Amino acid sequence: MAFKFKLPELKQPDNANVGKKDRIIRVVVAALLLLGAFRGGIIDHWYIALIALVLLASAYFAFCPAYVPIGKNTAQDEPPAKQ
């Protein structure tokens, strides 16, 4: 039996611009950054923890403000959900 990682099925807002693959990558990178920040001591690496929290927030809300000026939208790259 293989473990399959699955994000909770959240209703994406109309302004969502972060796709599922992008969200998974953001969560994994944020987790690694948080591990690194806490490993060295939170006072020394608070800025890394802040970056990780921003990544987690953008993954949760499926919206990245940095994508707006460049017009990137990874949520549109996904096929429609199976009924």
Protein backbone atom coordinates (compact mmCIF):
# COMPACT_ATOMS: atom_id res chain seq x y z
CA MET A 1 0.00 0.00 0.00
CA ALA A 2 1.56 3.25 -1.11
CA PHE A 3 1.02 6.52 0.71
CA LYS A 4 -0.49 9.15 -1.52
CA PHE A 5 -0.29 12.79 -0.46
CA LYS A 6 -3.52 14.64 -1.04
CA LEU A 7 -4.31 18.25 -0.27
CA PRO A 8 -7.68 18.88 1.30
CA GLU A 9 -10.32 19.63 -1.28
CA LEU A 10 -10.85 23.34 -0.83
CA LYS A 11 -13.17 25.36 -2.99
CA GLN A 12 -10.89 27.60 -4.98
CA PRO A 13 -11.89 31.24 -5.08
CA ASP A 14 -12.66 32.91 -8.38
CA ASN A 15 -9.33 34.73 -8.26
CA ALA A 16 -7.25 31.56 -7.70
CA ASN A 17 -4.01 31.60 -9.67
CA VAL A 18 -2.09 28.75 -8.00
CA GLY A 19 -2.69 25.23 -9.27
CA LYS A 20 -2.59 21.95 -7.38
CA LYS A 21 0.97 21.00 -8.36
CA ASP A 22 2.16 24.50 -7.48
CA ARG A 23 0.42 24.25 -4.09
CA ILE A 24 2.09 20.92 -3.29
CA ILE A 25 5.52 22.32 -4.21
CA ARG A 26 4.90 25.38 -2.01
CA VAL A 27 3.92 23.21 0.99
CA VAL A 28 6.99 20.97 0.62
CA VAL A 29 9.39 23.92 0.23
CA ALA A 30 7.76 25.72 3.18
CA ALA A 31 8.13 22.62 5.35
CA LEU A 32 11.81 22.34 4.47
CA LEU A 33 12.37 26.04 5.17
CA LEU A 34 10.61 25.77 8.53
CA LEU A 35 12.74 22.78 9.47
CA GLY A 36 15.87 24.74 8.58
CA ALA A 37 14.69 27.81 10.48
CA PHE A 38 13.94 25.88 13.66
CA ARG A 39 17.08 23.79 13.39
CA GLY A 40 19.30 26.87 13.62
CA GLY A 41 17.19 28.64 16.20
CA ILE A 42 14.16 30.77 15.43
CA ILE A 43 15.83 34.02 16.49
CA ASP A 44 18.70 33.53 14.05
CA HIS A 45 16.50 32.57 11.10
CA TRP A 46 13.17 34.32 11.63
CA TYR A 47 13.18 35.65 8.06
CA ILE A 48 13.31 32.11 6.66
CA ALA A 49 10.31 31.17 8.79
CA LEU A 50 8.49 34.26 7.50
CA ILE A 51 9.12 33.22 3.89
CA ALA A 52 7.83 29.73 4.70
CA LEU A 53 4.67 31.16 6.23
CA VAL A 54 4.05 33.28 3.13
CA LEU A 55 4.44 30.15 0.97
CA LEU A 56 2.00 28.24 3.19
CA ALA A 57 -0.54 31.07 3.04
CA SER A 58 -0.35 31.30 -0.75
CA ALA A 59 -0.77 27.51 -1.00
CA TYR A 60 -3.77 27.54 1.35
CA PHE A 61 -5.59 30.40 -0.37
CA ALA A 62 -4.51 29.28 -3.89
CA PHE A 63 -3.55 32.87 -4.65
CA CYS A 64 -0.12 34.38 -5.20
CA PRO A 65 0.06 38.19 -5.40
CA ALA A 66 3.41 37.97 -7.22
CA TYR A 67 1.71 36.18 -10.13
CA VAL A 68 -0.71 39.07 -10.79
CA PRO A 69 1.72 41.59 -12.38
CA ILE A 70 3.24 38.97 -14.67
CA GLY A 71 -0.11 37.39 -15.54
CA LYS A 72 0.88 33.87 -14.51
CA ASN A 73 -1.91 31.45 -13.63
CA THR A 74 -1.03 27.82 -12.89
CA ALA A 75 -4.61 27.01 -11.86
CA GLN A 76 -5.74 27.24 -15.51
CA ASP A 77 -3.16 24.67 -16.60
CA GLU A 78 -5.03 21.88 -14.81
CA PRO A 79 -7.64 19.68 -16.48
CA PRO A 80 -11.18 19.95 -15.12
CA ALA A 81 -12.05 17.78 -12.12
CA LYS A 82 -13.59 14.36 -12.83
CA GLN A 83 -17.26 14.15 -12.00
